[in-house]
Protein backbone atom coordinates (compact mmCIF):
# COMPACT_ATOMS: atom_id res chain seq x y z
CA MET A 1 -5.22 -29.74 7.53
CA LEU A 2 -6.68 -28.10 4.50
CA ARG A 3 -9.97 -27.39 6.29
CA SER A 4 -8.06 -25.31 8.81
CA VAL A 5 -6.41 -23.01 5.84
CA LEU A 6 -9.39 -22.96 3.96
CA GLY A 7 -11.44 -21.73 7.28
CA VAL A 8 -8.67 -19.13 7.98
CA ILE A 9 -8.72 -18.16 4.69
CA VAL A 10 -12.67 -17.56 4.16
CA GLY A 11 -12.85 -15.91 7.61
CA TYR A 12 -10.71 -13.56 6.46
CA ILE A 13 -12.45 -12.87 3.28
CA VAL A 14 -15.87 -13.01 5.23
CA MET A 15 -14.40 -10.50 7.79
CA PHE A 16 -13.13 -7.96 5.39
CA VAL A 17 -16.35 -8.00 3.42
CA LEU A 18 -18.54 -7.18 6.06
CA GLN A 19 -16.35 -4.67 7.57
CA VAL A 20 -16.23 -2.67 3.71
CA ILE A 21 -20.34 -3.40 3.77
CA ALA A 22 -20.74 -1.97 7.24
CA PHE A 23 -18.76 0.97 7.38
CA MET A 24 -19.71 2.25 4.02
CA THR A 25 -23.31 1.64 4.17
CA ILE A 26 -23.20 3.31 7.81
CA TYR A 27 -21.24 6.43 6.59
CA THR A 28 -24.04 6.52 3.41
CA MET A 29 -26.99 6.72 6.15
CA MET A 30 -25.20 8.97 8.93
CA GLY A 31 -23.49 11.32 6.51
CA ALA A 32 -19.89 13.42 7.08
CA ASP A 33 -21.15 15.65 9.93
CA TRP A 34 -21.74 12.60 12.16
CA SER A 35 -18.73 10.45 10.97
CA PHE A 36 -16.15 13.30 11.01
CA LYS A 37 -15.87 16.06 14.05
CA PRO A 38 -16.73 19.76 12.97
CA ALA A 39 -14.82 21.02 10.24
CA SER A 40 -12.41 18.14 10.33
CA TYR A 41 -11.48 14.54 8.72
CA GLU A 42 -10.88 13.41 12.78
CA ALA A 43 -13.57 10.72 13.38
CA SER A 44 -15.97 11.88 15.69
CA THR A 45 -16.42 9.46 18.66
CA ALA A 46 -19.97 8.57 17.82
CA TRP A 47 -18.05 7.09 14.54
CA THR A 48 -15.17 5.50 16.53
CA ALA A 49 -17.55 3.95 18.88
CA MET A 50 -19.29 2.22 16.45
CA GLN A 51 -15.84 1.04 14.78
CA PHE A 52 -15.30 -0.50 17.51
CA GLY A 53 -18.76 -2.45 17.60
CA VAL A 54 -18.45 -3.07 13.82
CA ILE A 55 -15.19 -4.78 13.90
CA LEU A 56 -16.14 -6.74 17.39
CA VAL A 57 -19.26 -8.00 15.63
CA THR A 58 -18.35 -9.24 12.40
CA THR A 59 -14.57 -10.85 13.61
CA ILE A 60 -17.17 -12.75 15.99
CA ILE A 61 -18.85 -14.19 12.49
CA ALA A 62 -15.24 -14.79 10.75
CA GLY A 63 -14.55 -16.69 13.77
CA LEU A 64 -17.81 -18.73 13.97
CA ILE A 65 -17.50 -19.11 10.28
CA CYS A 66 -14.03 -20.32 10.32
CA ALA A 67 -14.41 -23.10 13.17
CA VAL A 68 -17.49 -24.26 11.09
CA ILE A 69 -15.72 -24.46 7.88
CA ALA A 70 -12.60 -25.99 9.68
CA LYS A 71 -14.76 -28.48 11.96
CA GLY A 72 -12.86 -27.18 15.17
CA GLY A 73 -9.20 -27.34 16.12
CA LYS A 74 -7.01 -24.66 16.28
CA ALA A 75 -8.37 -22.39 13.45
CA PRO A 76 -10.00 -20.05 14.71
CA LEU A 77 -6.87 -18.95 16.96
CA VAL A 78 -4.77 -18.69 13.50
CA LEU A 79 -7.21 -16.61 12.15
CA ALA A 80 -6.65 -14.42 15.47
CA VAL A 81 -3.12 -13.98 15.50
CA VAL A 82 -3.81 -13.28 11.30
CA VAL A 83 -5.99 -10.38 12.28
CA LEU A 84 -3.87 -8.91 15.10
CA VAL A 85 -0.56 -9.07 13.29
CA LEU A 86 -2.01 -7.74 9.88
CA GLY A 87 -3.73 -5.32 11.73
CA LEU A 88 -0.89 -4.20 13.78
CA ALA A 89 1.47 -4.40 10.30
CA LEU A 90 -1.40 -2.30 8.63
CA ALA A 91 -1.58 0.22 11.88
CA PHE A 92 2.14 1.23 11.90
CA ALA A 93 2.14 1.52 7.90
CA SER A 94 -0.67 4.02 8.46
CA THR A 95 0.75 5.57 11.25
CA ALA A 96 4.41 5.73 9.51
CA LEU A 97 3.12 6.96 6.51
CA ARG A 98 0.26 9.47 7.53
CA PRO A 99 1.61 12.95 7.28
CA SER A 100 2.34 14.13 10.78
CA ASP A 101 0.54 17.81 10.88
CA THR A 102 -2.21 17.62 8.39
CA HIS A 103 -5.32 19.97 9.61
CA GLU A 104 -7.44 19.92 6.23
CA ILE A 105 -11.19 21.41 6.55
CA ARG A 106 -13.91 19.33 5.46
CA THR A 107 -16.52 21.22 3.93
CA GLY A 108 -19.97 20.00 3.24
CA SER A 109 -20.81 16.32 1.87
CA VAL A 110 -17.68 13.95 1.24
CA PRO A 111 -18.35 11.10 -0.83
CA ASN A 112 -17.23 8.02 0.55
CA MET A 113 -14.18 7.26 -0.94
CA GLU A 114 -12.43 10.51 -0.65
CA ALA A 115 -14.10 10.27 3.24
CA MET A 116 -11.78 7.05 3.60
CA SER A 117 -8.83 8.30 2.63
CA LYS A 118 -9.06 11.50 4.07
CA ALA A 119 -9.85 9.97 7.71
CA ARG A 120 -7.93 10.69 10.54
CA HIS A 121 -7.96 8.31 13.80
CA PRO A 122 -6.00 8.98 17.10
CA ALA A 123 -2.85 6.42 16.93
CA TRP A 124 -4.46 4.43 20.00
CA VAL A 125 -7.47 3.84 17.27
CA ILE A 126 -5.57 2.50 14.79
CA PHE A 127 -3.76 0.12 17.18
CA LEU A 128 -6.59 -1.19 19.52
CA GLY A 129 -8.87 -2.07 16.35
CA PRO A 130 -6.57 -5.30 15.81
CA VAL A 131 -6.90 -6.42 19.49
CA ILE A 132 -10.42 -6.13 19.01
CA GLY A 133 -10.63 -8.04 16.02
CA ALA A 134 -8.80 -11.10 17.46
CA ILE A 135 -10.66 -11.13 20.65
CA GLY A 136 -14.03 -10.84 18.75
CA VAL A 137 -12.08 -13.76 16.19
CA VAL A 138 -11.36 -16.03 19.40
CA ILE A 139 -14.93 -15.45 20.64
CA GLY A 140 -16.74 -16.33 17.65
CA GLY A 141 -14.46 -19.71 17.25
CA LYS A 142 -15.74 -20.37 21.12
CA LEU A 143 -19.35 -20.10 19.36
CA LYS A 144 -18.89 -23.41 17.58
CA ARG A 145 -17.41 -25.32 20.48
CA GLN A 146 -20.61 -24.22 22.63
CA SER A 147 -23.16 -25.12 20.16
């Protein structure tokens, strides 16, 4: 039981850290003009596609780590539920707290932290991320069973 709980916690922390590192690195390398639509803080199509790829890869790794630590069992499924529930809760909070009509104009280069706080995504993107994450965790958890 303790191994399962530890697997879920470590898996979630690994997922979070990998995503922060990946998004900050990609934004630093690609810049604001690639990450956002012209003169806006709305995420570009390229950023959205990359975002889903990063979410899938990092959650597969998290699911695999969770399964390895827990030595099988249902721990990866629990992690998938945690990723889905927390992700959807954050998505609901994000859409509820987001100003409904902000069209702030982006000019020039934007530092990482400002980009994170001002970035805007369509609601479907915000809600699809946790679903992709949960699927990735399940895939990663099954990778351990195959090896």
